[in-house]
Amino acid sequence: MDLEGYPSFKKGMFAEAREIKKRISEEIGDWITVSIGIGTNRFLAKTAAGLTKPDGLDEINFKNFMSIYKKLSLRDFCGISFANEKRLREVGIYSVVDFYNAPVGKLRSAFKSVLADFWFLRLRGWEVDDIETERKSFGNSYSLPKPLCRPDDLAPILQKLVFKTGARMRKKGFKAKGISLAVFYRDRPFWHKSVTFQQYFFATTDIYKKAFEILSQSPFKKPVSKLAVSCFSLAKIDKIQLGLFENTGRKINLVKAVDRVNKKWGDFCLIPGLMINTDKFAVDRIAFGGVK
């Protein structure tokens, strides 16, 4: 993690961070706060940004990283889901310190993929998250601040998740054939289902209908802590199969028109009625790594 001329480099980063916070306060308003993290890679910067909220400025460096690791849990790391935490526990990794000290061989036994090598480097401050890879899915997730159980109660949040997912997918020129839904419950069980359909879809309404059908199939009716949805089996195709009972051309034109309006006037200028007032329990966040 050592850097040439580190003190001056560090001073410059903190100056830039303070300038960002100052401009947000002066040009937007002091009612908006921002937490900024500094690190030798994107992962550590992201982790540092979450250490002090809602108005923090923290750094993870070669001097303090271990003391910070001792205070965090595995699930505090962006990218360590319930499933990944379970994989790590199965090989005897129960804490972030265990994670850092684990040899690559043990990590490979847990992840069974190149992710093991990425995590080994990521935890040591090397940058591995700026590698351009083939896009395989678009997704969104949200941790619920209030316990909701019934699919109908979760529907507005699901609508907002697929609204953002669909817009991002279309912006990149993709259509999808698959939907994956994951539901995390407050007492820690986890339910997940993925479905691949025969026809490609692109409209937010279609994504929502398919995702809600999957959500309704969950056998658990217990308080939900987190909801995640993604679209997969992507393809960049100009033409799709015309529907027998709907005007596909009109749907394409309508979706394009809504996307144009939201691009010009704001992401949530035109929204489905089900999304009205969702900002009260599903706040907007910028996905880490999603902004170039």
C-alpha atoms as a PDB file:
ATOM      1  CA  MET A   1       0.000   0.000   0.000  1.00  0.00           C
ATOM      2  CA  ASP A   2       3.025   2.301   0.125  1.00  0.00           C
ATOM      3  CA  LEU A   3       2.898   5.187  -2.346  1.00  0.00           C
ATOM      4  CA  GLU A   4       5.663   7.382  -3.680  1.00  0.00           C
ATOM      5  CA  GLY A   5       5.406  10.807  -2.077  1.00  0.00           C
ATOM      6  CA  TYR A   6       2.477   9.551   0.011  1.00  0.00           C
ATOM      7  CA  PRO A   7       2.124  12.533   2.434  1.00  0.00           C
ATOM      8  CA  SER A   8       1.720  15.098  -0.356  1.00  0.00           C
ATOM      9  CA  PHE A   9      -0.517  12.725  -2.333  1.00  0.00           C
ATOM     10  CA  LYS A  10      -2.670  12.195   0.739  1.00  0.00           C
ATOM     11  CA  LYS A  11      -2.876  15.947   1.393  1.00  0.00           C
ATOM     12  CA  GLY A  12      -4.117  16.494  -2.141  1.00  0.00           C
ATOM     13  CA  MET A  13      -6.822  13.866  -1.808  1.00  0.00           C
ATOM     14  CA  PHE A  14      -8.152  15.358   1.416  1.00  0.00           C
ATOM     15  CA  ALA A  15      -8.141  18.813  -0.146  1.00  0.00           C
ATOM     16  CA  GLU A  16     -10.174  17.516  -3.099  1.00  0.00           C
ATOM     17  CA  ALA A  17     -12.598  15.759  -0.756  1.00  0.00           C
ATOM     18  CA  ARG A  18     -13.148  18.864   1.338  1.00  0.00           C
ATOM     19  CA  GLU A  19     -13.672  20.898  -1.835  1.00  0.00           C
ATOM     20  CA  ILE A  20     -16.385  18.442  -2.953  1.00  0.00           C
ATOM     21  CA  LYS A  21     -18.155  18.721   0.402  1.00  0.00           C
ATOM     22  CA  LYS A  22     -17.843  22.524   0.354  1.00  0.00           C
ATOM     23  CA  ARG A  23     -19.275  22.875  -3.145  1.00  0.00           C
ATOM     24  CA  ILE A  24     -22.198  20.569  -2.381  1.00  0.00           C
ATOM     25  CA  SER A  25     -23.017  22.685   0.670  1.00  0.00           C
ATOM     26  CA  GLU A  26     -22.671  26.013  -1.149  1.00  0.00           C
ATOM     27  CA  GLU A  27     -24.148  25.136  -4.546  1.00  0.00           C
ATOM     28  CA  ILE A  28     -26.876  22.689  -3.519  1.00  0.00           C
ATOM     29  CA  GLY A  29     -27.532  23.344   0.144  1.00  0.00           C
ATOM     30  CA  ASP A  30     -26.341  22.342   3.597  1.00  0.00           C
ATOM     31  CA  TRP A  31     -29.384  20.091   3.893  1.00  0.00           C
ATOM     32  CA  ILE A  32     -27.476  17.569   1.751  1.00  0.00           C
ATOM     33  CA  THR A  33     -24.512  15.844   3.349  1.00  0.00           C
ATOM     34  CA  VAL A  34     -22.001  13.492   1.800  1.00  0.00           C
ATOM     35  CA  SER A  35     -19.611  10.917   3.215  1.00  0.00           C
ATOM     36  CA  ILE A  36     -16.326  10.532   1.353  1.00  0.00           C
ATOM     37  CA  GLY A  37     -13.816   7.731   1.659  1.00  0.00           C
ATOM     38  CA  ILE A  38     -10.169   7.614   0.628  1.00  0.00           C
ATOM     39  CA  GLY A  39      -8.211   4.458  -0.087  1.00  0.00           C
ATOM     40  CA  THR A  40      -5.648   2.974  -2.431  1.00  0.00           C
ATOM     41  CA  ASN A  41      -8.387   1.203  -4.404  1.00  0.00           C
ATOM     42  CA  ARG A  42     -12.096   1.662  -5.054  1.00  0.00           C
ATOM     43  CA  PHE A  43     -13.069  -1.018  -2.560  1.00  0.00           C
ATOM     44  CA  LEU A  44     -11.205   0.561   0.363  1.00  0.00           C
ATOM     45  CA  ALA A  45     -12.490   4.019  -0.592  1.00  0.00           C
ATOM     46  CA  LYS A  46     -16.047   2.680  -0.641  1.00  0.00           C
ATOM     47  CA  THR A  47     -15.546   1.006   2.736  1.00  0.00           C
ATOM     48  CA  ALA A  48     -14.036   4.184   4.200  1.00  0.00           C
ATOM     49  CA  ALA A  49     -17.021   6.201   2.969  1.00  0.00           C
ATOM     50  CA  GLY A  50     -19.295   4.062   5.124  1.00  0.00           C
ATOM     51  CA  LEU A  51     -17.323   4.421   8.357  1.00  0.00           C
ATOM     52  CA  THR A  52     -18.807   7.772   9.402  1.00  0.00           C
ATOM     53  CA  LYS A  53     -22.247   8.832   8.247  1.00  0.00           C
ATOM     54  CA  PRO A  54     -23.959  11.023   7.264  1.00  0.00           C
ATOM     55  CA  ASP A  55     -21.158  13.581   6.875  1.00  0.00           C
ATOM     56  CA  GLY A  56     -17.852  11.760   7.166  1.00  0.00           C
ATOM     57  CA  LEU A  57     -14.409  11.977   5.622  1.00  0.00           C
ATOM     58  CA  ASP A  58     -12.301   8.906   6.361  1.00  0.00           C
ATOM     59  CA  GLU A  59      -9.289   7.126   4.964  1.00  0.00           C
ATOM     60  CA  ILE A  60      -8.147   3.522   5.039  1.00  0.00           C
ATOM     61  CA  ASN A  61      -4.390   3.276   4.603  1.00  0.00           C
ATOM     62  CA  PHE A  62      -1.459   0.991   5.364  1.00  0.00           C
ATOM     63  CA  LYS A  63      -1.281   2.310   8.941  1.00  0.00           C
ATOM     64  CA  ASN A  64      -4.890   1.933  10.076  1.00  0.00           C
ATOM     65  CA  PHE A  65      -6.407  -0.779   7.875  1.00  0.00           C
ATOM     66  CA  MET A  66      -6.046  -3.579  10.435  1.00  0.00           C
ATOM     67  CA  SER A  67      -7.634  -1.601  13.269  1.00  0.00           C
ATOM     68  CA  ILE A  68     -10.579  -0.850  10.960  1.00  0.00           C
ATOM     69  CA  TYR A  69     -10.834  -4.469   9.781  1.00  0.00           C
ATOM     70  CA  LYS A  70     -11.167  -5.559  13.424  1.00  0.00           C
ATOM     71  CA  LYS A  71     -14.283  -3.405  13.813  1.00  0.00           C
ATOM     72  CA  LEU A  72     -16.076  -4.619  10.679  1.00  0.00           C
ATOM     73  CA  SER A  73     -18.066  -7.744   9.928  1.00  0.00           C
ATOM     74  CA  LEU A  74     -17.910  -9.711   6.688  1.00  0.00           C
ATOM     75  CA  ARG A  75     -21.308  -8.395   5.606  1.00  0.00           C
ATOM     76  CA  ASP A  76     -20.061  -4.809   6.028  1.00  0.00           C
ATOM     77  CA  PHE A  77     -18.033  -5.304   2.850  1.00  0.00           C
ATOM     78  CA  CYS A  78     -19.633  -4.370  -0.460  1.00  0.00           C
ATOM     79  CA  GLY A  79     -19.766  -7.628  -2.420  1.00  0.00           C
ATOM     80  CA  ILE A  80     -20.083 -10.008   0.517  1.00  0.00           C
ATOM     81  CA  SER A  81     -23.662 -11.209   0.439  1.00  0.00           C
ATOM     82  CA  PHE A  82     -25.334 -13.712   2.746  1.00  0.00           C
ATOM     83  CA  ALA A  83     -24.342 -16.490   0.339  1.00  0.00           C
ATOM     84  CA  ASN A  84     -20.698 -15.391   0.198  1.00  0.00           C
ATOM     85  CA  GLU A  85     -20.567 -15.067   3.965  1.00  0.00           C
ATOM     86  CA  LYS A  86     -21.822 -18.650   4.224  1.00  0.00           C
ATOM     87  CA  ARG A  87     -19.116 -19.843   1.806  1.00  0.00           C
ATOM     88  CA  LEU A  88     -16.422 -18.148   3.863  1.00  0.00           C
ATOM     89  CA  ARG A  89     -17.712 -19.591   7.128  1.00  0.00           C
ATOM     90  CA  GLU A  90     -17.652 -23.067   5.630  1.00  0.00           C
ATOM     91  CA  VAL A  91     -13.857 -22.807   5.264  1.00  0.00           C
ATOM     92  CA  GLY A  92     -13.316 -21.315   8.723  1.00  0.00           C
ATOM     93  CA  ILE A  93     -13.365 -17.602   7.916  1.00  0.00           C
ATOM     94  CA  TYR A  94     -15.593 -15.846  10.457  1.00  0.00           C
ATOM     95  CA  SER A  95     -14.241 -12.301  10.630  1.00  0.00           C
ATOM     96  CA  VAL A  96     -12.660  -9.674   8.407  1.00  0.00           C
ATOM     97  CA  VAL A  97      -9.299 -10.343  10.043  1.00  0.00           C
ATOM     98  CA  ASP A  98      -9.683 -14.040   9.174  1.00  0.00           C
ATOM     99  CA  PHE A  99     -10.554 -12.957   5.649  1.00  0.00           C
ATOM    100  CA  TYR A 100      -7.425 -10.834   5.334  1.00  0.00           C
ATOM    101  CA  ASN A 101      -5.114 -13.476   6.802  1.00  0.00           C
ATOM    102  CA  ALA A 102      -6.524 -16.353   4.753  1.00  0.00           C
ATOM    103  CA  PRO A 103      -4.176 -17.721   2.076  1.00  0.00           C
ATOM    104  CA  VAL A 104      -5.323 -17.684  -1.528  1.00  0.00           C
ATOM    105  CA  GLY A 105      -5.858 -21.461  -1.461  1.00  0.00           C
ATOM    106  CA  LYS A 106      -8.439 -21.202   1.310  1.00  0.00           C
ATOM    107  CA  LEU A 107     -10.220 -18.363  -0.503  1.00  0.00           C
ATOM    108  CA  ARG A 108     -10.337 -20.447  -3.672  1.00  0.00           C
ATOM    109  CA  SER A 109     -11.953 -23.273  -1.695  1.00  0.00           C
ATOM    110  CA  ALA A 110     -14.658 -20.814  -0.620  1.00  0.00           C
ATOM    111  CA  PHE A 111     -15.352 -18.911  -3.837  1.00  0.00           C
ATOM    112  CA  LYS A 112     -14.325 -21.588  -6.366  1.00  0.00           C
ATOM    113  CA  SER A 113     -13.627 -18.853  -8.902  1.00  0.00           C
ATOM    114  CA  VAL A 114     -11.267 -16.023  -9.776  1.00  0.00           C
ATOM    115  CA  LEU A 115     -13.082 -13.953  -7.136  1.00  0.00           C
ATOM    116  CA  ALA A 116     -10.729 -15.512  -4.600  1.00  0.00           C
ATOM    117  CA  ASP A 117      -7.709 -13.872  -6.219  1.00  0.00           C
ATOM    118  CA  PHE A 118      -9.580 -10.592  -6.567  1.00  0.00           C
ATOM    119  CA  TRP A 119     -10.486 -10.522  -2.873  1.00  0.00           C
ATOM    120  CA  PHE A 120      -6.933 -11.394  -1.837  1.00  0.00           C
ATOM    121  CA  LEU A 121      -5.640  -8.363  -3.760  1.00  0.00           C
ATOM    122  CA  ARG A 122      -8.589  -6.091  -2.951  1.00  0.00           C
ATOM    123  CA  LEU A 123      -8.134  -6.465   0.814  1.00  0.00           C
ATOM    124  CA  ARG A 124      -4.463  -5.506   0.423  1.00  0.00           C
ATOM    125  CA  GLY A 125      -5.161  -2.281  -1.424  1.00  0.00           C
ATOM    126  CA  TRP A 126      -4.581  -3.365  -5.017  1.00  0.00           C
ATOM    127  CA  GLU A 127      -7.033  -2.121  -7.654  1.00  0.00           C
ATOM    128  CA  VAL A 128      -8.912  -4.959  -9.341  1.00  0.00           C
ATOM    129  CA  ASP A 129     -12.332  -3.335  -9.846  1.00  0.00           C
ATOM    130  CA  ASP A 130     -11.479  -1.165 -12.843  1.00  0.00           C
ATOM    131  CA  ILE A 131     -11.249  -4.152 -15.178  1.00  0.00           C
ATOM    132  CA  GLU A 132     -13.748  -3.988 -18.054  1.00  0.00           C
ATOM    133  CA  THR A 133     -15.717  -7.228 -18.205  1.00  0.00           C
ATOM    134  CA  GLU A 134     -18.589  -8.418 -20.333  1.00  0.00           C
ATOM    135  CA  ARG A 135     -21.897  -7.214 -18.948  1.00  0.00           C
ATOM    136  CA  LYS A 136     -23.903 -10.231 -17.747  1.00  0.00           C
ATOM    137  CA  SER A 137     -26.703  -8.633 -15.754  1.00  0.00           C
ATOM    138  CA  PHE A 138     -28.323  -5.437 -14.511  1.00  0.00           C
ATOM    139  CA  GLY A 139     -29.667  -5.326 -11.006  1.00  0.00           C
ATOM    140  CA  ASN A 140     -30.650  -3.320  -7.982  1.00  0.00           C
ATOM    141  CA  SER A 141     -31.207  -4.024  -4.305  1.00  0.00           C
ATOM    142  CA  TYR A 142     -32.554  -2.259  -1.242  1.00  0.00           C
ATOM    143  CA  SER A 143     -32.318  -2.878   2.514  1.00  0.00           C
ATOM    144  CA  LEU A 144     -35.678  -2.152   4.106  1.00  0.00           C
ATOM    145  CA  PRO A 145     -35.681   0.116   7.185  1.00  0.00           C
ATOM    146  CA  LYS A 146     -39.162  -1.133   8.161  1.00  0.00           C
ATOM    147  CA  PRO A 147     -40.341  -4.755   8.336  1.00  0.00           C
ATOM    148  CA  LEU A 148     -42.693  -5.658   5.492  1.00  0.00           C
ATOM    149  CA  CYS A 149     -44.038  -9.159   4.899  1.00  0.00           C
ATOM    150  CA  ARG A 150     -46.727  -9.320   2.228  1.00  0.00           C
ATOM    151  CA  PRO A 151     -45.899  -9.180  -1.494  1.00  0.00           C
ATOM    152  CA  ASP A 152     -48.450  -6.376  -1.903  1.00  0.00           C
ATOM    153  CA  ASP A 153     -46.597  -4.302   0.717  1.00  0.00           C
ATOM    154  CA  LEU A 154     -43.269  -4.987  -1.013  1.00  0.00           C
ATOM    155  CA  ALA A 155     -44.681  -4.180  -4.455  1.00  0.00           C
ATOM    156  CA  PRO A 156     -43.859  -0.425  -4.474  1.00  0.00           C
ATOM    157  CA  ILE A 157     -40.228  -1.111  -3.528  1.00  0.00           C
ATOM    158  CA  LEU A 158     -39.980  -3.841  -6.149  1.00  0.00           C
ATOM    159  CA  GLN A 159     -41.451  -1.423  -8.714  1.00  0.00           C
ATOM    160  CA  LYS A 160     -38.810   1.171  -7.918  1.00  0.00           C
ATOM    161  CA  LEU A 161     -36.004  -1.404  -8.160  1.00  0.00           C
ATOM    162  CA  VAL A 162     -37.117  -2.665 -11.575  1.00  0.00           C
ATOM    163  CA  PHE A 163     -37.757   0.898 -12.780  1.00  0.00           C
ATOM    164  CA  LYS A 164     -34.116   1.796 -12.167  1.00  0.00           C
ATOM    165  CA  THR A 165     -32.855  -1.575 -13.429  1.00  0.00           C
ATOM    166  CA  GLY A 166     -34.840  -1.373 -16.649  1.00  0.00           C
ATOM    167  CA  ALA A 167     -33.733   2.191 -17.362  1.00  0.00           C
ATOM    168  CA  ARG A 168     -30.059   1.298 -16.921  1.00  0.00           C
ATOM    169  CA  MET A 169     -30.443  -1.803 -19.082  1.00  0.00           C
ATOM    170  CA  ARG A 170     -32.113   0.084 -21.929  1.00  0.00           C
ATOM    171  CA  LYS A 171     -29.585   2.926 -21.711  1.00  0.00           C
ATOM    172  CA  LYS A 172     -26.841   0.409 -22.499  1.00  0.00           C
ATOM    173  CA  GLY A 173     -28.854  -0.997 -25.401  1.00  0.00           C
ATOM    174  CA  PHE A 174     -29.743  -4.369 -23.868  1.00  0.00           C
ATOM    175  CA  LYS A 175     -32.829  -6.534 -23.670  1.00  0.00           C
ATOM    176  CA  ALA A 176     -33.131  -9.528 -21.328  1.00  0.00           C
ATOM    177  CA  LYS A 177     -34.683 -12.975 -21.141  1.00  0.00           C
ATOM    178  CA  GLY A 178     -34.132 -13.753 -17.461  1.00  0.00           C
ATOM    179  CA  ILE A 179     -35.085 -12.325 -14.081  1.00  0.00           C
ATOM    180  CA  SER A 180     -33.532 -13.199 -10.751  1.00  0.00           C
ATOM    181  CA  LEU A 181     -35.100 -12.264  -7.416  1.00  0.00           C
ATOM    182  CA  ALA A 182     -33.572 -12.603  -3.949  1.00  0.00           C
ATOM    183  CA  VAL A 183     -35.350 -12.014  -0.642  1.00  0.00           C
ATOM    184  CA  PHE A 184     -33.450 -11.721   2.639  1.00  0.00           C
ATOM    185  CA  TYR A 185     -35.458 -12.093   5.837  1.00  0.00           C
ATOM    186  CA  ARG A 186     -34.801 -10.488   9.202  1.00  0.00           C
ATOM    187  CA  ASP A 187     -34.308 -13.813  10.977  1.00  0.00           C
ATOM    188  CA  ARG A 188     -31.573 -14.600   8.406  1.00  0.00           C
ATOM    189  CA  PRO A 189     -33.124 -17.147   6.008  1.00  0.00           C
ATOM    190  CA  PHE A 190     -32.671 -16.452   2.331  1.00  0.00           C
ATOM    191  CA  TRP A 191     -34.886 -17.251  -0.664  1.00  0.00           C
ATOM    192  CA  HIS A 192     -33.886 -16.891  -4.284  1.00  0.00           C
ATOM    193  CA  LYS A 193     -35.317 -17.834  -7.662  1.00  0.00           C
ATOM    194  CA  SER A 194     -34.235 -17.197 -11.261  1.00  0.00           C
ATOM    195  CA  VAL A 195     -36.466 -17.662 -14.291  1.00  0.00           C
ATOM    196  CA  THR A 196     -35.514 -17.619 -17.978  1.00  0.00           C
ATOM    197  CA  PHE A 197     -38.301 -16.729 -20.399  1.00  0.00           C
ATOM    198  CA  GLN A 198     -38.736 -17.584 -24.071  1.00  0.00           C
ATOM    199  CA  GLN A 199     -38.978 -14.015 -25.336  1.00  0.00           C
ATOM    200  CA  TYR A 200     -36.776 -10.986 -24.740  1.00  0.00           C
ATOM    201  CA  PHE A 201     -38.283  -8.122 -22.751  1.00  0.00           C
ATOM    202  CA  PHE A 202     -37.264  -4.496 -22.164  1.00  0.00           C
ATOM    203  CA  ALA A 203     -40.208  -2.533 -20.747  1.00  0.00           C
ATOM    204  CA  THR A 204     -40.369  -1.713 -17.040  1.00  0.00           C
ATOM    205  CA  THR A 205     -43.949  -2.948 -16.877  1.00  0.00           C
ATOM    206  CA  ASP A 206     -42.961  -6.383 -18.170  1.00  0.00           C
ATOM    207  CA  ILE A 207     -39.988  -6.634 -15.827  1.00  0.00           C
ATOM    208  CA  TYR A 208     -42.188  -5.732 -12.867  1.00  0.00           C
ATOM    209  CA  LYS A 209     -44.938  -8.216 -13.728  1.00  0.00           C
ATOM    210  CA  LYS A 210     -42.457 -11.066 -14.052  1.00  0.00           C
ATOM    211  CA  ALA A 211     -40.546 -10.082 -10.912  1.00  0.00           C
ATOM    212  CA  PHE A 212     -43.747  -9.764  -8.850  1.00  0.00           C
ATOM    213  CA  GLU A 213     -44.877 -13.222  -9.973  1.00  0.00           C
ATOM    214  CA  ILE A 214     -41.582 -14.617  -8.730  1.00  0.00           C
ATOM    215  CA  LEU A 215     -41.855 -12.692  -5.438  1.00  0.00           C
ATOM    216  CA  SER A 216     -45.333 -14.123  -4.862  1.00  0.00           C
ATOM    217  CA  GLN A 217     -43.888 -17.639  -5.059  1.00  0.00           C
ATOM    218  CA  SER A 218     -41.741 -17.202  -1.953  1.00  0.00           C
ATOM    219  CA  PRO A 219     -42.846 -19.728   0.679  1.00  0.00           C
ATOM    220  CA  PHE A 220     -41.964 -17.349   3.516  1.00  0.00           C
ATOM    221  CA  LYS A 221     -44.311 -14.619   4.724  1.00  0.00           C
ATOM    222  CA  LYS A 222     -41.978 -13.063   7.267  1.00  0.00           C
ATOM    223  CA  PRO A 223     -40.407  -9.616   7.762  1.00  0.00           C
ATOM    224  CA  VAL A 224     -38.064  -8.840   4.876  1.00  0.00           C
ATOM    225  CA  SER A 225     -34.715  -7.124   5.444  1.00  0.00           C
ATOM    226  CA  LYS A 226     -33.513  -6.831   1.857  1.00  0.00           C
ATOM    227  CA  LEU A 227     -34.918  -7.185  -1.652  1.00  0.00           C
ATOM    228  CA  ALA A 228     -32.780  -7.655  -4.771  1.00  0.00           C
ATOM    229  CA  VAL A 229     -33.718  -8.045  -8.429  1.00  0.00           C
ATOM    230  CA  SER A 230     -31.644  -8.439 -11.586  1.00  0.00           C
ATOM    231  CA  CYS A 231     -32.102  -9.072 -15.293  1.00  0.00           C
ATOM    232  CA  PHE A 232     -29.818 -11.547 -17.058  1.00  0.00           C
ATOM    233  CA  SER A 233     -29.433 -13.402 -20.370  1.00  0.00           C
ATOM    234  CA  LEU A 234     -28.759 -10.089 -22.049  1.00  0.00           C
ATOM    235  CA  ALA A 235     -28.548  -9.343 -25.753  1.00  0.00           C
ATOM    236  CA  LYS A 236     -28.140  -6.244 -27.899  1.00  0.00           C
ATOM    237  CA  ILE A 237     -30.849  -6.816 -30.496  1.00  0.00           C
ATOM    238  CA  ASP A 238     -32.852  -4.287 -32.488  1.00  0.00           C
ATOM    239  CA  LYS A 239     -35.809  -6.499 -33.284  1.00  0.00           C
ATOM    240  CA  ILE A 240     -37.900  -8.724 -31.035  1.00  0.00           C
ATOM    241  CA  GLN A 241     -40.798 -11.089 -31.601  1.00  0.00           C
ATOM    242  CA  LEU A 242     -44.053  -9.191 -32.101  1.00  0.00           C
ATOM    243  CA  GLY A 243     -46.793  -9.938 -29.610  1.00  0.00           C
ATOM    244  CA  LEU A 244     -50.035 -11.547 -30.722  1.00  0.00           C
ATOM    245  CA  PHE A 245     -52.219  -9.659 -28.228  1.00  0.00           C
ATOM    246  CA  GLU A 246     -50.366  -6.354 -27.879  1.00  0.00           C
ATOM    247  CA  ASN A 247     -48.948  -3.642 -30.058  1.00  0.00           C
ATOM    248  CA  THR A 248     -45.197  -4.116 -29.587  1.00  0.00           C
ATOM    249  CA  GLY A 249     -44.376  -1.099 -31.738  1.00  0.00           C
ATOM    250  CA  ARG A 250     -46.449   1.218 -29.560  1.00  0.00           C
ATOM    251  CA  LYS A 251     -44.820  -0.225 -26.428  1.00  0.00           C
ATOM    252  CA  ILE A 252     -41.342   0.445 -27.833  1.00  0.00           C
ATOM    253  CA  ASN A 253     -42.274   4.028 -28.718  1.00  0.00           C
ATOM    254  CA  LEU A 254     -43.833   4.633 -25.296  1.00  0.00           C
ATOM    255  CA  VAL A 255     -40.795   3.280 -23.436  1.00  0.00           C
ATOM    256  CA  LYS A 256     -38.437   5.400 -25.546  1.00  0.00           C
ATOM    257  CA  ALA A 257     -40.546   8.507 -24.935  1.00  0.00           C
ATOM    258  CA  VAL A 258     -40.588   7.979 -21.152  1.00  0.00           C
ATOM    259  CA  ASP A 259     -36.829   7.377 -21.110  1.00  0.00           C
ATOM    260  CA  ARG A 260     -36.230  10.579 -23.094  1.00  0.00           C
ATOM    261  CA  VAL A 261     -38.344  12.654 -20.713  1.00  0.00           C
ATOM    262  CA  ASN A 262     -36.649  11.195 -17.626  1.00  0.00           C
ATOM    263  CA  LYS A 263     -33.227  11.731 -19.155  1.00  0.00           C
ATOM    264  CA  LYS A 264     -33.981  15.404 -19.803  1.00  0.00           C
ATOM    265  CA  TRP A 265     -35.925  16.343 -16.685  1.00  0.00           C
ATOM    266  CA  GLY A 266     -34.800  13.828 -14.053  1.00  0.00           C
ATOM    267  CA  ASP A 267     -34.806  10.081 -13.464  1.00  0.00           C
ATOM    268  CA  PHE A 268     -38.174  10.038 -11.703  1.00  0.00           C
ATOM    269  CA  CYS A 269     -40.049  12.712 -13.628  1.00  0.00           C
ATOM    270  CA  LEU A 270     -42.391  10.126 -15.187  1.00  0.00           C
ATOM    271  CA  ILE A 271     -43.013   7.073 -13.021  1.00  0.00           C
ATOM    272  CA  PRO A 272     -45.609   4.315 -12.602  1.00  0.00           C
ATOM    273  CA  GLY A 273     -48.387   5.200 -10.160  1.00  0.00           C
ATOM    274  CA  LEU A 274     -47.259   2.423  -7.811  1.00  0.00           C
ATOM    275  CA  MET A 275     -44.017   4.355  -7.196  1.00  0.00           C
ATOM    276  CA  ILE A 276     -45.737   7.457  -5.805  1.00  0.00           C
ATOM    277  CA  ASN A 277     -44.423   8.246  -2.298  1.00  0.00           C
ATOM    278  CA  THR A 278     -41.872   5.409  -2.395  1.00  0.00           C
ATOM    279  CA  ASP A 279     -39.188   7.934  -1.439  1.00  0.00           C
ATOM    280  CA  LYS A 280     -40.567   7.712   2.104  1.00  0.00           C
ATOM    281  CA  PHE A 281     -39.288   4.155   2.553  1.00  0.00           C
ATOM    282  CA  ALA A 282     -36.937   3.534  -0.387  1.00  0.00           C
ATOM    283  CA  VAL A 283     -34.468   6.392  -0.680  1.00  0.00           C
ATOM    284  CA  ASP A 284     -32.405   6.930  -3.824  1.00  0.00           C
ATOM    285  CA  ARG A 285     -28.750   5.956  -3.747  1.00  0.00           C
ATOM    286  CA  ILE A 286     -25.951   5.971  -6.297  1.00  0.00           C
ATOM    287  CA  ALA A 287     -24.641   2.461  -6.882  1.00  0.00           C
ATOM    288  CA  PHE A 288     -20.916   2.148  -6.230  1.00  0.00           C
ATOM    289  CA  GLY A 289     -19.085   1.556  -9.486  1.00  0.00           C
ATOM    290  CA  GLY A 290     -22.121   2.519 -11.510  1.00  0.00           C
ATOM    291  CA  VAL A 291     -20.953   6.036 -12.319  1.00  0.00           C
ATOM    292  CA  LYS A 292     -18.001   6.548 -14.652  1.00  0.00           C
END
